[in-house]
C-alpha atoms as a PDB file:
ATOM      1  CA  UNK A   1      -0.175 126.931  80.639  1.00  0.00           C
ATOM      2  CA  UNK A   2      -1.912 126.378  83.885  1.00  0.00           C
ATOM      3  CA  UNK A   3       0.235 126.484  86.901  1.00  0.00           C
ATOM      4  CA  UNK A   4      -0.918 122.955  87.920  1.00  0.00           C
ATOM      5  CA  UNK A   5       0.354 121.737  84.552  1.00  0.00           C
ATOM      6  CA  UNK A   6       3.894 122.879  85.061  1.00  0.00           C
ATOM      7  CA  UNK A   7       6.667 120.542  85.660  1.00  0.00           C
ATOM      8  CA  UNK A   8       8.792 120.841  88.929  1.00  0.00           C
ATOM      9  CA  UNK A   9      11.598 122.151  86.719  1.00  0.00           C
ATOM     10  CA  UNK A  10       9.395 124.826  85.342  1.00  0.00           C
ATOM     11  CA  UNK A  11       7.890 125.851  88.702  1.00  0.00           C
ATOM     12  CA  UNK A  12      11.358 126.203  90.317  1.00  0.00           C
ATOM     13  CA  UNK A  13      12.672 128.028  87.325  1.00  0.00           C
ATOM     14  CA  UNK A  14       9.758 130.453  87.333  1.00  0.00           C
ATOM     15  CA  UNK A  15      10.087 130.938  91.109  1.00  0.00           C
ATOM     16  CA  UNK A  16      13.788 131.958  90.582  1.00  0.00           C
ATOM     17  CA  UNK A  17      12.791 134.256  87.716  1.00  0.00           C
ATOM     18  CA  UNK A  18       9.932 136.033  89.688  1.00  0.00           C
ATOM     19  CA  UNK A  19      11.989 136.167  92.870  1.00  0.00           C
ATOM     20  CA  UNK A  20       9.823 133.820  94.856  1.00  0.00           C
ATOM     21  CA  UNK A  21      12.955 131.983  95.580  1.00  0.00           C
ATOM     22  CA  UNK A  22      15.451 134.463  97.282  1.00  0.00           C
ATOM     23  CA  UNK A  23      19.024 134.905  95.957  1.00  0.00           C
ATOM     24  CA  UNK A  24      20.448 134.660  99.604  1.00  0.00           C
ATOM     25  CA  UNK A  25      18.474 131.648 100.416  1.00  0.00           C
ATOM     26  CA  UNK A  26      20.063 128.137 100.311  1.00  0.00           C
ATOM     27  CA  UNK A  27      18.226 125.736  98.048  1.00  0.00           C
ATOM     28  CA  UNK A  28      18.012 122.339  99.318  1.00  0.00           C
ATOM     29  CA  UNK A  29      16.029 119.065  98.188  1.00  0.00           C
ATOM     30  CA  UNK A  30      14.187 118.953 101.479  1.00  0.00           C
ATOM     31  CA  UNK A  31      12.954 122.467 101.489  1.00  0.00           C
ATOM     32  CA  UNK A  32      11.862 122.465  97.842  1.00  0.00           C
ATOM     33  CA  UNK A  33      10.241 119.056  98.323  1.00  0.00           C
ATOM     34  CA  UNK A  34       8.085 120.476 101.125  1.00  0.00           C
ATOM     35  CA  UNK A  35       7.382 123.726  99.187  1.00  0.00           C
ATOM     36  CA  UNK A  36       6.124 121.908  96.059  1.00  0.00           C
ATOM     37  CA  UNK A  37       4.721 118.851  97.919  1.00  0.00           C
ATOM     38  CA  UNK A  38       6.545 116.212  96.004  1.00  0.00           C
ATOM     39  CA  UNK A  39       9.341 113.619  96.576  1.00  0.00           C
ATOM     40  CA  UNK A  40      13.003 114.490  96.526  1.00  0.00           C
ATOM     41  CA  UNK A  41      13.460 112.560  93.306  1.00  0.00           C
ATOM     42  CA  UNK A  42      11.732 114.967  90.803  1.00  0.00           C
ATOM     43  CA  UNK A  43      13.391 117.940  92.852  1.00  0.00           C
ATOM     44  CA  UNK A  44      16.954 116.348  92.370  1.00  0.00           C
ATOM     45  CA  UNK A  45      16.317 115.878  88.674  1.00  0.00           C
ATOM     46  CA  UNK A  46      15.118 119.493  88.348  1.00  0.00           C
ATOM     47  CA  UNK A  47      18.197 120.873  90.236  1.00  0.00           C
ATOM     48  CA  UNK A  48      20.589 118.895  87.979  1.00  0.00           C
ATOM     49  CA  UNK A  49      18.929 120.750  84.845  1.00  0.00           C
ATOM     50  CA  UNK A  50      19.086 124.055  86.607  1.00  0.00           C
ATOM     51  CA  UNK A  51      22.488 123.678  87.609  1.00  0.00           C
ATOM     52  CA  UNK A  52      23.488 122.710  84.019  1.00  0.00           C
ATOM     53  CA  UNK A  53      21.708 125.957  82.742  1.00  0.00           C
ATOM     54  CA  UNK A  54      23.389 128.099  85.434  1.00  0.00           C
ATOM     55  CA  UNK A  55      20.223 128.973  87.315  1.00  0.00           C
ATOM     56  CA  UNK A  56      21.756 127.481  90.518  1.00  0.00           C
ATOM     57  CA  UNK A  57      25.325 127.100  91.648  1.00  0.00           C
ATOM     58  CA  UNK A  58      26.580 125.689  94.939  1.00  0.00           C
ATOM     59  CA  UNK A  59      22.944 125.349  96.171  1.00  0.00           C
ATOM     60  CA  UNK A  60      22.263 129.265  95.855  1.00  0.00           C
ATOM     61  CA  UNK A  61      20.782 131.015  92.781  1.00  0.00           C
ATOM     62  CA  UNK A  62      23.493 131.995  90.533  1.00  0.00           C
ATOM     63  CA  UNK A  63      24.299 135.618  90.253  1.00  0.00           C
ATOM     64  CA  UNK A  64      26.798 136.598  87.305  1.00  0.00           C
ATOM     65  CA  UNK A  65      29.081 139.401  87.356  1.00  0.00           C
ATOM     66  CA  UNK A  66      28.751 142.239  84.838  1.00  0.00           C
ATOM     67  CA  UNK A  67      31.645 141.017  82.797  1.00  0.00           C
ATOM     68  CA  UNK A  68      30.053 137.498  82.611  1.00  0.00           C
ATOM     69  CA  UNK A  69      26.892 138.994  81.398  1.00  0.00           C
ATOM     70  CA  UNK A  70      28.821 140.868  78.601  1.00  0.00           C
ATOM     71  CA  UNK A  71      30.747 137.771  77.751  1.00  0.00           C
ATOM     72  CA  UNK A  72      27.606 135.696  77.455  1.00  0.00           C
ATOM     73  CA  UNK A  73      25.844 138.230  75.220  1.00  0.00           C
ATOM     74  CA  UNK A  74      29.000 138.560  73.070  1.00  0.00           C
ATOM     75  CA  UNK A  75      28.593 134.723  72.544  1.00  0.00           C
ATOM     76  CA  UNK A  76      24.698 135.054  72.094  1.00  0.00           C
ATOM     77  CA  UNK A  77      25.076 137.739  69.383  1.00  0.00           C
ATOM     78  CA  UNK A  78      27.428 135.467  67.670  1.00  0.00           C
ATOM     79  CA  UNK A  79      25.114 132.448  67.744  1.00  0.00           C
ATOM     80  CA  UNK A  80      21.857 134.273  66.849  1.00  0.00           C
ATOM     81  CA  UNK A  81      23.249 136.387  64.092  1.00  0.00           C
ATOM     82  CA  UNK A  82      24.800 133.211  62.495  1.00  0.00           C
ATOM     83  CA  UNK A  83      21.371 131.628  63.069  1.00  0.00           C
ATOM     84  CA  UNK A  84      19.515 134.385  61.434  1.00  0.00           C
ATOM     85  CA  UNK A  85      21.618 134.012  58.261  1.00  0.00           C
ATOM     86  CA  UNK A  86      20.839 130.293  58.171  1.00  0.00           C
ATOM     87  CA  UNK A  87      17.186 131.276  58.780  1.00  0.00           C
ATOM     88  CA  UNK A  88      17.244 133.415  55.743  1.00  0.00           C
ATOM     89  CA  UNK A  89      18.202 130.446  53.748  1.00  0.00           C
ATOM     90  CA  UNK A  90      16.110 127.620  55.055  1.00  0.00           C
ATOM     91  CA  UNK A  91      12.891 129.569  56.400  1.00  0.00           C
ATOM     92  CA  UNK A  92       9.613 128.736  54.657  1.00  0.00           C
ATOM     93  CA  UNK A  93       6.752 130.999  54.599  1.00  0.00           C
ATOM     94  CA  UNK A  94       5.269 129.021  57.373  1.00  0.00           C
ATOM     95  CA  UNK A  95       8.456 129.643  59.522  1.00  0.00           C
ATOM     96  CA  UNK A  96       8.271 133.500  58.870  1.00  0.00           C
ATOM     97  CA  UNK A  97       4.636 133.394  59.948  1.00  0.00           C
ATOM     98  CA  UNK A  98       5.490 131.642  63.111  1.00  0.00           C
ATOM     99  CA  UNK A  99       8.284 134.118  63.830  1.00  0.00           C
ATOM    100  CA  UNK A 100       5.861 137.028  63.176  1.00  0.00           C
ATOM    101  CA  UNK A 101       3.298 135.613  65.392  1.00  0.00           C
ATOM    102  CA  UNK A 102       5.613 136.038  68.339  1.00  0.00           C
ATOM    103  CA  UNK A 103       5.529 139.880  67.827  1.00  0.00           C
ATOM    104  CA  UNK A 104       1.559 140.136  68.302  1.00  0.00           C
ATOM    105  CA  UNK A 105       1.646 141.103  71.857  1.00  0.00           C
ATOM    106  CA  UNK A 106       1.298 144.460  73.640  1.00  0.00           C
ATOM    107  CA  UNK A 107       4.349 144.618  76.006  1.00  0.00           C
ATOM    108  CA  UNK A 108       2.858 147.531  77.972  1.00  0.00           C
ATOM    109  CA  UNK A 109      -0.369 145.535  79.047  1.00  0.00           C
ATOM    110  CA  UNK A 110       0.524 141.935  78.402  1.00  0.00           C
ATOM    111  CA  UNK A 111       1.129 139.405  81.352  1.00  0.00           C
ATOM    112  CA  UNK A 112       4.763 139.481  82.318  1.00  0.00           C
ATOM    113  CA  UNK A 113       5.439 135.662  82.267  1.00  0.00           C
ATOM    114  CA  UNK A 114       3.533 135.283  78.986  1.00  0.00           C
ATOM    115  CA  UNK A 115       5.608 138.018  77.327  1.00  0.00           C
ATOM    116  CA  UNK A 116       8.856 136.400  78.691  1.00  0.00           C
ATOM    117  CA  UNK A 117       7.617 133.186  77.165  1.00  0.00           C
ATOM    118  CA  UNK A 118       6.907 134.702  73.804  1.00  0.00           C
ATOM    119  CA  UNK A 119      10.132 136.527  73.810  1.00  0.00           C
ATOM    120  CA  UNK A 120      11.868 133.406  74.380  1.00  0.00           C
ATOM    121  CA  UNK A 121      10.026 131.629  71.651  1.00  0.00           C
ATOM    122  CA  UNK A 122      10.928 134.299  69.075  1.00  0.00           C
ATOM    123  CA  UNK A 123      14.574 133.835  69.848  1.00  0.00           C
ATOM    124  CA  UNK A 124      14.442 130.055  70.211  1.00  0.00           C
ATOM    125  CA  UNK A 125      12.948 130.020  66.638  1.00  0.00           C
ATOM    126  CA  UNK A 126      15.876 131.981  65.323  1.00  0.00           C
ATOM    127  CA  UNK A 127      18.402 129.691  66.852  1.00  0.00           C
ATOM    128  CA  UNK A 128      16.704 126.635  65.761  1.00  0.00           C
ATOM    129  CA  UNK A 129      17.285 127.428  62.118  1.00  0.00           C
ATOM    130  CA  UNK A 130      20.900 126.415  62.614  1.00  0.00           C
ATOM    131  CA  UNK A 131      19.826 122.872  62.921  1.00  0.00           C
ATOM    132  CA  UNK A 132      23.061 122.229  64.887  1.00  0.00           C
ATOM    133  CA  UNK A 133      22.660 120.225  67.987  1.00  0.00           C
ATOM    134  CA  UNK A 134      26.059 121.591  69.509  1.00  0.00           C
ATOM    135  CA  UNK A 135      24.890 125.147  69.094  1.00  0.00           C
ATOM    136  CA  UNK A 136      21.356 124.508  70.382  1.00  0.00           C
ATOM    137  CA  UNK A 137      22.774 122.730  73.483  1.00  0.00           C
ATOM    138  CA  UNK A 138      25.150 125.698  74.118  1.00  0.00           C
ATOM    139  CA  UNK A 139      22.353 128.247  73.810  1.00  0.00           C
ATOM    140  CA  UNK A 140      20.264 126.132  76.127  1.00  0.00           C
ATOM    141  CA  UNK A 141      22.938 125.924  78.729  1.00  0.00           C
ATOM    142  CA  UNK A 142      23.036 129.760  79.301  1.00  0.00           C
ATOM    143  CA  UNK A 143      19.232 130.109  79.239  1.00  0.00           C
ATOM    144  CA  UNK A 144      19.266 131.421  82.869  1.00  0.00           C
ATOM    145  CA  UNK A 145      21.225 134.456  81.748  1.00  0.00           C
ATOM    146  CA  UNK A 146      18.635 135.003  78.874  1.00  0.00           C
ATOM    147  CA  UNK A 147      15.704 134.583  81.180  1.00  0.00           C
ATOM    148  CA  UNK A 148      17.025 136.903  83.787  1.00  0.00           C
ATOM    149  CA  UNK A 149      17.603 139.540  81.039  1.00  0.00           C
ATOM    150  CA  UNK A 150      14.220 139.020  79.558  1.00  0.00           C
ATOM    151  CA  UNK A 151      12.655 139.365  83.027  1.00  0.00           C
ATOM    152  CA  UNK A 152      14.298 142.714  83.603  1.00  0.00           C
ATOM    153  CA  UNK A 153      13.721 144.116  79.961  1.00  0.00           C
ATOM    154  CA  UNK A 154       9.996 142.978  80.226  1.00  0.00           C
ATOM    155  CA  UNK A 155       9.374 143.889  83.900  1.00  0.00           C
ATOM    156  CA  UNK A 156      10.797 147.420  83.113  1.00  0.00           C
ATOM    157  CA  UNK A 157       8.962 147.526  79.740  1.00  0.00           C
ATOM    158  CA  UNK A 158      11.929 148.399  77.596  1.00  0.00           C
ATOM    159  CA  UNK A 159      10.839 150.829  74.961  1.00  0.00           C
ATOM    160  CA  UNK A 160      10.833 149.400  71.286  1.00  0.00           C
ATOM    161  CA  UNK A 161      11.336 145.764  72.269  1.00  0.00           C
ATOM    162  CA  UNK A 162       8.596 144.223  70.244  1.00  0.00           C
ATOM    163  CA  UNK A 163       8.869 146.850  67.420  1.00  0.00           C
ATOM    164  CA  UNK A 164      12.535 145.687  66.873  1.00  0.00           C
ATOM    165  CA  UNK A 165      11.309 142.055  66.752  1.00  0.00           C
ATOM    166  CA  UNK A 166       8.751 143.295  64.066  1.00  0.00           C
ATOM    167  CA  UNK A 167      11.546 144.983  62.115  1.00  0.00           C
ATOM    168  CA  UNK A 168      13.695 141.894  62.057  1.00  0.00           C
ATOM    169  CA  UNK A 169      10.703 139.969  60.667  1.00  0.00           C
ATOM    170  CA  UNK A 170      10.140 142.641  58.043  1.00  0.00           C
ATOM    171  CA  UNK A 171      13.710 142.538  56.888  1.00  0.00           C
ATOM    172  CA  UNK A 172      13.567 138.734  56.697  1.00  0.00           C
ATOM    173  CA  UNK A 173      10.423 138.874  54.585  1.00  0.00           C
ATOM    174  CA  UNK A 174      12.171 141.302  52.339  1.00  0.00           C
ATOM    175  CA  UNK A 175      15.072 138.976  52.133  1.00  0.00           C
ATOM    176  CA  UNK A 176      17.406 141.892  53.404  1.00  0.00           C
ATOM    177  CA  UNK A 177      19.615 139.560  55.509  1.00  0.00           C
ATOM    178  CA  UNK A 178      22.146 142.145  56.114  1.00  0.00           C
ATOM    179  CA  UNK A 179      19.603 144.505  57.630  1.00  0.00           C
ATOM    180  CA  UNK A 180      18.045 141.738  59.728  1.00  0.00           C
ATOM    181  CA  UNK A 181      21.466 140.783  61.225  1.00  0.00           C
ATOM    182  CA  UNK A 182      22.301 144.513  61.877  1.00  0.00           C
ATOM    183  CA  UNK A 183      18.780 144.845  63.541  1.00  0.00           C
ATOM    184  CA  UNK A 184      19.152 141.820  65.643  1.00  0.00           C
ATOM    185  CA  UNK A 185      22.738 142.757  66.787  1.00  0.00           C
ATOM    186  CA  UNK A 186      21.452 146.206  67.893  1.00  0.00           C
ATOM    187  CA  UNK A 187      18.465 144.610  69.497  1.00  0.00           C
ATOM    188  CA  UNK A 188      20.503 142.298  71.618  1.00  0.00           C
ATOM    189  CA  UNK A 189      22.984 145.109  72.600  1.00  0.00           C
ATOM    190  CA  UNK A 190      20.062 147.321  73.740  1.00  0.00           C
ATOM    191  CA  UNK A 191      18.732 144.427  75.792  1.00  0.00           C
ATOM    192  CA  UNK A 192      22.198 144.095  77.424  1.00  0.00           C
ATOM    193  CA  UNK A 193      22.733 147.656  78.308  1.00  0.00           C
ATOM    194  CA  UNK A 194      19.078 148.227  79.440  1.00  0.00           C
ATOM    195  CA  UNK A 195      19.350 145.259  81.762  1.00  0.00           C
ATOM    196  CA  UNK A 196      22.723 145.928  83.191  1.00  0.00           C
ATOM    197  CA  UNK A 197      21.429 149.451  84.018  1.00  0.00           C
ATOM    198  CA  UNK A 198      18.534 148.033  86.064  1.00  0.00           C
ATOM    199  CA  UNK A 199      20.345 145.073  87.564  1.00  0.00           C
ATOM    200  CA  UNK A 200      23.110 147.510  88.706  1.00  0.00           C
ATOM    201  CA  UNK A 201      20.559 149.757  90.134  1.00  0.00           C
ATOM    202  CA  UNK A 202      18.747 146.844  92.036  1.00  0.00           C
ATOM    203  CA  UNK A 203      22.116 145.662  93.391  1.00  0.00           C
ATOM    204  CA  UNK A 204      22.953 149.045  94.893  1.00  0.00           C
ATOM    205  CA  UNK A 205      19.535 149.727  96.456  1.00  0.00           C
END
């Protein structure tokens, strides 16, 4: 998507993810309206959404503790493994092909934001199999954590990331749901530990 086609919400979110908005910098409607050359109204609506998703808290970029990250991932593992078991029942061949299409990217050479987006689509496709609006809303609410982890995992080019996605898809094709769930749980735990290592390193620089 061309940067000019992004919504104000997407622009602010992307600037948080890429570090263009600094973590110790107070975020105000006036400052953002000037930065993005828009009125305060779309900024206000975007900030409400970003606060709901825990990107922003008390006018600053939200920085979770290590324990909060672990708790979020515990919930994420529960939700996504449940969703994967549902996917094994409701997925058509078309669904499997779509999920597989999100594994056709080279993490070593691809554009960072594009890889983050594709990674997000892979996991969103899985969670959508629940067809449960309460689960979907809960997952959406904590998207900031997921985006931050995706950014760290992809920026540091975590080994095996896309290969693990492919293994999950293969297990689904083979209708080996127990293996698929085990692979997904292992995949998310690796994301967590890898990201915590680098986030802790950055915080102690």
